[in-house]
């Protein structure tokens, strides 16, 4: 396992390098000029000085200069937010997105696994129908619709939550719930299907034939194996929720990573685009590695080394 983890960690720089080049090319060829964002047209000599200062005189210069900054942990200055570095922007916005994402992920996992497991055990009953309904609603409703409904009901109509405020646990609840609904629906559906398959397995029937208690068979033996498909979904879902949703953050006017990413794309702030994408990618790679380790912990029979070699 140690060797496998070391190999995966050594692959990180190569994968991040490919992501960096692809992101840079997309950001560079996008229409618009990040140094011409004001109504007043800047003189050519001023534009030349700005491009020289930010090493953006040519695509090749920017492409080759910026990686050295990244290796040193410096994402460079923002091209749009004067006086702010990308590190400062990420440092201020990342905790907001992580807090909301953690809350959403915990809610999605607890409610989704519980609902899906109960639906699998009591197939065809009221709990099963409730699980299917939640899954259908969660998958069908876009995040911005859920966020807008929660915002209108609890912030505008009932006034139970403040509008556009950040700084307390109360501010996490509504955006976290809006962000949790879709992963909760997928987790509930995956757990239900996997639980039904697992309960029909030979070893479960053998356990029951040997006289094991029903609850022991279901919650100790069946649920453990039923969670394996869920684990494969947790990695990308966790990365998506932990780095925030720009729609949810926009609806609740929260200063998270997603909102800054949208702003950077609209303004062609190339350093901020690259910074947010690289942070997001690092999250995704790290969480996928943790998921593979989790596979081995949940079921030691799984050879993650063989899986990695096959991939």
Protein backbone atom coordinates (compact mmCIF):
# COMPACT_ATOMS: atom_id res chain seq x y z
CA UNK A 1 0.00 0.00 0.00
CA UNK A 2 2.86 2.38 0.83
CA UNK A 3 4.45 1.86 -2.60
CA UNK A 4 1.09 2.37 -4.31
CA UNK A 5 0.49 5.65 -2.46
CA UNK A 6 4.02 6.84 -3.31
CA UNK A 7 3.49 6.06 -7.03
CA UNK A 8 0.16 7.89 -7.05
CA UNK A 9 1.76 10.91 -5.35
CA UNK A 10 4.57 10.93 -7.94
CA UNK A 11 1.92 11.02 -10.69
CA UNK A 12 0.39 14.21 -9.26
CA UNK A 13 2.93 16.67 -10.84
CA UNK A 14 2.51 15.10 -14.30
CA UNK A 15 -1.30 15.21 -14.16
CA UNK A 16 -1.30 18.74 -12.75
CA UNK A 17 1.11 19.78 -15.53
CA UNK A 18 -1.28 18.52 -18.22
CA UNK A 19 -4.20 20.29 -16.53
CA UNK A 20 -2.16 23.49 -16.29
CA UNK A 21 -1.30 23.51 -20.02
CA UNK A 22 -4.89 22.73 -21.06
CA UNK A 23 -6.32 25.42 -18.76
CA UNK A 24 -3.76 27.96 -19.89
CA UNK A 25 -4.52 27.38 -23.58
CA UNK A 26 -8.27 27.78 -22.98
CA UNK A 27 -7.76 30.95 -20.92
CA UNK A 28 -5.30 32.46 -23.40
CA UNK A 29 -7.39 31.95 -26.55
CA UNK A 30 -10.60 33.20 -24.90
CA UNK A 31 -11.78 36.53 -26.38
CA UNK A 32 -11.10 39.74 -24.46
CA UNK A 33 -8.14 41.46 -22.84
CA UNK A 34 -7.69 41.36 -19.05
CA UNK A 35 -5.82 44.70 -19.18
CA UNK A 36 -8.63 46.50 -21.05
CA UNK A 37 -11.46 46.11 -18.51
CA UNK A 38 -12.23 49.80 -18.08
CA UNK A 39 -14.26 52.16 -20.25
CA UNK A 40 -11.10 54.16 -20.95
CA UNK A 41 -8.73 52.71 -23.57
CA UNK A 42 -5.22 52.50 -22.19
CA UNK A 43 -2.31 53.85 -24.27
CA UNK A 44 -0.17 51.18 -26.00
CA UNK A 45 2.89 51.98 -23.86
CA UNK A 46 0.88 51.49 -20.64
CA UNK A 47 -0.47 48.17 -21.93
CA UNK A 48 3.07 47.10 -22.81
CA UNK A 49 4.25 47.93 -19.28
CA UNK A 50 1.37 45.99 -17.73
CA UNK A 51 2.05 42.94 -19.89
CA UNK A 52 5.76 43.11 -19.06
CA UNK A 53 5.02 43.41 -15.34
CA UNK A 54 2.76 40.31 -15.39
CA UNK A 55 5.00 38.38 -17.83
CA UNK A 56 2.12 38.28 -20.32
CA UNK A 57 3.86 39.74 -23.36
CA UNK A 58 3.49 36.43 -25.18
CA UNK A 59 1.80 33.11 -24.58
CA UNK A 60 5.13 31.30 -24.43
CA UNK A 61 6.59 33.68 -21.82
CA UNK A 62 3.52 33.37 -19.60
CA UNK A 63 3.32 29.60 -20.09
CA UNK A 64 6.97 29.05 -19.09
CA UNK A 65 7.19 31.68 -16.33
CA UNK A 66 4.11 30.80 -14.29
CA UNK A 67 5.02 27.15 -13.43
CA UNK A 68 8.07 28.36 -11.51
CA UNK A 69 5.76 30.51 -9.43
CA UNK A 70 3.50 27.52 -8.79
CA UNK A 71 6.41 25.30 -7.70
CA UNK A 72 7.26 27.91 -5.08
CA UNK A 73 3.63 27.98 -3.91
CA UNK A 74 3.09 31.46 -5.34
CA UNK A 75 0.12 31.85 -7.70
CA UNK A 76 1.24 35.36 -8.60
CA UNK A 77 -0.73 38.62 -8.62
CA UNK A 78 -4.31 38.86 -9.81
CA UNK A 79 -4.53 40.63 -13.16
CA UNK A 80 -7.85 42.26 -12.26
CA UNK A 81 -7.92 42.72 -8.48
CA UNK A 82 -5.23 45.36 -8.07
CA UNK A 83 -3.12 44.93 -4.95
CA UNK A 84 -4.32 41.39 -4.38
CA UNK A 85 -2.37 38.22 -5.03
CA UNK A 86 -4.10 35.01 -6.09
CA UNK A 87 -2.84 33.43 -2.85
CA UNK A 88 -4.65 36.10 -0.82
CA UNK A 89 -7.88 35.63 -2.77
CA UNK A 90 -7.74 31.84 -2.48
CA UNK A 91 -6.81 32.08 1.19
CA UNK A 92 -9.88 34.22 1.89
CA UNK A 93 -12.36 32.31 -0.28
CA UNK A 94 -11.28 28.69 0.15
CA UNK A 95 -12.33 28.39 3.85
CA UNK A 96 -15.81 29.61 2.89
CA UNK A 97 -16.22 26.99 0.17
CA UNK A 98 -14.69 24.22 2.31
CA UNK A 99 -17.01 25.01 5.24
CA UNK A 100 -20.10 24.89 3.04
CA UNK A 101 -18.83 21.81 1.20
CA UNK A 102 -18.04 19.88 4.39
CA UNK A 103 -21.48 20.60 5.78
CA UNK A 104 -23.10 19.56 2.49
CA UNK A 105 -20.99 16.40 2.23
CA UNK A 106 -21.76 15.29 5.80
CA UNK A 107 -25.50 15.87 5.30
CA UNK A 108 -25.45 14.09 1.92
CA UNK A 109 -23.58 11.06 3.26
CA UNK A 110 -25.53 10.65 6.51
CA UNK A 111 -28.99 11.17 5.00
CA UNK A 112 -28.20 9.49 1.67
CA UNK A 113 -26.67 6.31 3.14
CA UNK A 114 -29.36 6.02 5.82
CA UNK A 115 -32.21 6.55 3.38
CA UNK A 116 -30.72 4.28 0.73
CA UNK A 117 -29.95 1.48 3.18
CA UNK A 118 -33.44 1.56 4.71
CA UNK A 119 -34.97 1.62 1.21
CA UNK A 120 -32.92 -1.42 0.20
CA UNK A 121 -33.91 -3.35 3.31
CA UNK A 122 -37.60 -2.41 3.06
CA UNK A 123 -37.97 -2.58 -0.71
CA UNK A 124 -41.40 -1.57 -1.96
CA UNK A 125 -42.42 0.05 1.34
CA UNK A 126 -43.04 3.70 2.26
CA UNK A 127 -39.34 4.32 3.02
CA UNK A 128 -38.41 2.94 -0.41
CA UNK A 129 -40.87 5.26 -2.13
CA UNK A 130 -39.60 8.19 -0.05
CA UNK A 131 -36.03 7.35 -1.06
CA UNK A 132 -36.96 7.15 -4.74
CA UNK A 133 -38.83 10.45 -4.50
CA UNK A 134 -35.88 12.21 -2.84
CA UNK A 135 -33.52 10.77 -5.47
CA UNK A 136 -35.75 11.89 -8.32
CA UNK A 137 -36.17 15.40 -6.92
CA UNK A 138 -32.49 15.76 -6.05
CA UNK A 139 -31.24 14.64 -9.46
CA UNK A 140 -33.86 16.61 -11.40
CA UNK A 141 -33.59 19.94 -9.58
CA UNK A 142 -30.58 22.07 -10.59
CA UNK A 143 -28.60 23.53 -7.71
CA UNK A 144 -29.57 27.10 -8.54
CA UNK A 145 -33.29 26.20 -8.34
CA UNK A 146 -32.89 24.55 -4.93
CA UNK A 147 -30.81 27.47 -3.68
CA UNK A 148 -33.31 30.02 -5.02
CA UNK A 149 -36.26 28.20 -3.40
CA UNK A 150 -34.52 27.99 -0.02
CA UNK A 151 -33.45 31.62 -0.29
CA UNK A 152 -36.95 32.83 -1.16
CA UNK A 153 -38.66 30.73 1.53
CA UNK A 154 -36.34 31.11 4.52
CA UNK A 155 -34.48 34.37 3.84
CA UNK A 156 -37.07 36.53 2.11
CA UNK A 157 -40.48 35.20 3.19
CA UNK A 158 -39.92 33.78 6.69
CA UNK A 159 -36.79 35.87 7.44
CA UNK A 160 -35.27 33.07 9.52
CA UNK A 161 -31.83 33.56 7.99
CA UNK A 162 -29.92 36.78 7.15
CA UNK A 163 -29.32 37.77 3.54
CA UNK A 164 -25.79 38.02 2.18
CA UNK A 165 -24.13 37.46 5.56
CA UNK A 166 -21.14 35.28 6.35
CA UNK A 167 -19.47 34.62 9.69
CA UNK A 168 -21.57 32.19 11.74
CA UNK A 169 -22.70 28.58 11.60
CA UNK A 170 -26.20 29.79 10.79
CA UNK A 171 -24.95 31.15 7.46
CA UNK A 172 -23.82 27.66 6.41
CA UNK A 173 -27.16 25.87 6.75
CA UNK A 174 -29.10 26.99 3.67
CA UNK A 175 -26.25 26.96 1.10
CA UNK A 176 -25.07 23.66 2.57
CA UNK A 177 -28.50 22.09 2.22
CA UNK A 178 -28.83 23.39 -1.35
CA UNK A 179 -25.43 21.94 -2.20
CA UNK A 180 -26.15 18.59 -0.51
CA UNK A 181 -29.39 17.67 -2.29
CA UNK A 182 -27.90 16.34 -5.53
CA UNK A 183 -25.08 14.22 -3.99
CA UNK A 184 -27.58 13.03 -1.37
CA UNK A 185 -29.87 11.80 -4.13
CA UNK A 186 -27.07 9.93 -5.92
CA UNK A 187 -25.77 8.39 -2.68
CA UNK A 188 -29.27 7.25 -1.69
CA UNK A 189 -29.83 5.67 -5.09
CA UNK A 190 -26.42 3.96 -5.18
CA UNK A 191 -26.81 2.66 -1.63
CA UNK A 192 -30.33 1.34 -2.33
CA UNK A 193 -29.31 -0.56 -5.47
CA UNK A 194 -26.12 -1.89 -3.93
CA UNK A 195 -27.96 -2.91 -0.74
CA UNK A 196 -30.55 -4.87 -2.73
CA UNK A 197 -27.80 -6.69 -4.65
CA UNK A 198 -25.82 -7.42 -1.50
CA UNK A 199 -28.82 -8.77 0.43
CA UNK A 200 -29.34 -11.28 -2.38
CA UNK A 201 -25.75 -12.58 -2.17
CA UNK A 202 -24.89 -16.11 -1.16
CA UNK A 203 -22.85 -15.10 1.88
CA UNK A 204 -25.78 -13.13 3.27
CA UNK A 205 -28.09 -16.13 2.86
CA UNK A 206 -25.40 -18.30 4.49
CA UNK A 207 -25.16 -15.91 7.41
CA UNK A 208 -28.90 -16.01 7.92
CA UNK A 209 -28.91 -19.83 7.63
CA UNK A 210 -26.29 -20.01 10.38
CA UNK A 211 -28.62 -18.12 12.70
CA UNK A 212 -27.01 -14.66 12.71
CA UNK A 213 -29.31 -11.93 13.94
CA UNK A 214 -31.11 -10.01 11.16
CA UNK A 215 -29.72 -6.65 12.23
CA UNK A 216 -26.18 -8.05 12.41
CA UNK A 217 -26.43 -9.44 8.87
CA UNK A 218 -27.86 -6.22 7.47
CA UNK A 219 -25.95 -3.48 9.24
CA UNK A 220 -22.62 -5.21 9.91
CA UNK A 221 -22.08 -7.42 6.84
CA UNK A 222 -24.36 -6.21 4.05
CA UNK A 223 -24.04 -2.44 4.53
CA UNK A 224 -20.24 -2.60 4.59
CA UNK A 225 -20.05 -4.13 1.11
CA UNK A 226 -22.97 -2.06 -0.16
CA UNK A 227 -20.95 1.10 0.52
CA UNK A 228 -18.21 0.24 -2.00
CA UNK A 229 -20.02 1.78 -5.04
CA UNK A 230 -20.82 4.81 -2.89
CA UNK A 231 -17.13 5.28 -2.10
CA UNK A 232 -16.29 5.54 -5.80
CA UNK A 233 -18.77 8.41 -6.05
CA UNK A 234 -17.59 10.17 -2.88
CA UNK A 235 -14.25 11.26 -4.40
CA UNK A 236 -15.48 13.53 -7.22
CA UNK A 237 -18.58 14.49 -5.20
CA UNK A 238 -16.40 15.62 -2.29
CA UNK A 239 -14.16 17.65 -4.61
CA UNK A 240 -17.20 19.33 -6.15
CA UNK A 241 -18.82 20.18 -2.83
CA UNK A 242 -15.64 21.15 -0.97
CA UNK A 243 -14.59 23.62 -3.61
CA UNK A 244 -18.06 25.12 -3.57
CA UNK A 245 -20.72 25.75 -6.13
CA UNK A 246 -20.53 29.09 -7.91
CA UNK A 247 -24.32 29.10 -8.41
CA UNK A 248 -25.12 28.49 -4.75
CA UNK A 249 -22.51 31.00 -3.62
CA UNK A 250 -23.86 33.53 -6.10
CA UNK A 251 -27.47 33.09 -4.91
CA UNK A 252 -26.53 33.58 -1.25
CA UNK A 253 -23.87 36.20 -2.12
CA UNK A 254 -21.08 34.33 -0.34
CA UNK A 255 -17.39 35.14 -0.94
CA UNK A 256 -16.40 31.58 -1.86
CA UNK A 257 -14.04 30.06 -4.40
CA UNK A 258 -16.78 29.44 -6.96
CA UNK A 259 -17.82 33.06 -7.13
CA UNK A 260 -14.21 34.17 -7.63
CA UNK A 261 -13.76 31.54 -10.34
CA UNK A 262 -16.76 32.83 -12.28
CA UNK A 263 -15.49 36.39 -11.94
CA UNK A 264 -12.03 35.41 -13.11
CA UNK A 265 -13.43 33.71 -16.24
CA UNK A 266 -15.65 36.69 -17.10
CA UNK A 267 -12.74 39.12 -16.62
CA UNK A 268 -10.09 36.83 -18.17
CA UNK A 269 -8.04 37.01 -14.98
CA UNK A 270 -5.67 34.29 -16.17
CA UNK A 271 -3.65 33.92 -12.97
CA UNK A 272 -6.80 33.57 -10.87
CA UNK A 273 -8.28 31.07 -13.37
CA UNK A 274 -5.12 28.97 -13.22
CA UNK A 275 -4.95 29.25 -9.43
CA UNK A 276 -8.53 28.10 -8.84
CA UNK A 277 -8.29 25.29 -11.39
CA UNK A 278 -5.02 24.00 -9.94
CA UNK A 279 -6.43 24.05 -6.39
CA UNK A 280 -9.59 22.28 -7.57
CA UNK A 281 -7.53 19.66 -9.44
CA UNK A 282 -5.29 19.02 -6.44
CA UNK A 283 -8.41 18.49 -4.32
CA UNK A 284 -9.79 16.04 -6.87
CA UNK A 285 -6.57 14.02 -7.12
CA UNK A 286 -6.13 13.89 -3.34
CA UNK A 287 -9.71 12.83 -2.68
CA UNK A 288 -9.58 10.12 -5.37
CA UNK A 289 -6.46 8.75 -3.69
CA UNK A 290 -8.22 8.79 -0.32
CA UNK A 291 -11.16 6.94 -1.89
CA UNK A 292 -8.84 4.19 -3.18
CA UNK A 293 -7.31 3.89 0.30
CA UNK A 294 -10.83 3.76 1.72
CA UNK A 295 -11.63 0.87 -0.63
CA UNK A 296 -8.83 -1.16 0.89
CA UNK A 297 -9.85 -0.27 4.44
CA UNK A 298 -13.51 -1.18 3.91
CA UNK A 299 -12.72 -4.43 2.07
CA UNK A 300 -9.12 -5.70 2.46
CA UNK A 301 -9.75 -8.23 -0.35
CA UNK A 302 -9.62 -5.39 -2.90
CA UNK A 303 -6.17 -4.93 -4.45
CA UNK A 304 -5.92 -1.19 -5.14
CA UNK A 305 -2.47 -1.76 -6.62
CA UNK A 306 -3.95 -3.93 -9.36
CA UNK A 307 -6.68 -1.34 -9.92
CA UNK A 308 -4.09 1.41 -10.34
CA UNK A 309 -2.08 -0.69 -12.76
CA UNK A 310 -5.14 -1.38 -14.81
CA UNK A 311 -6.01 2.28 -14.99
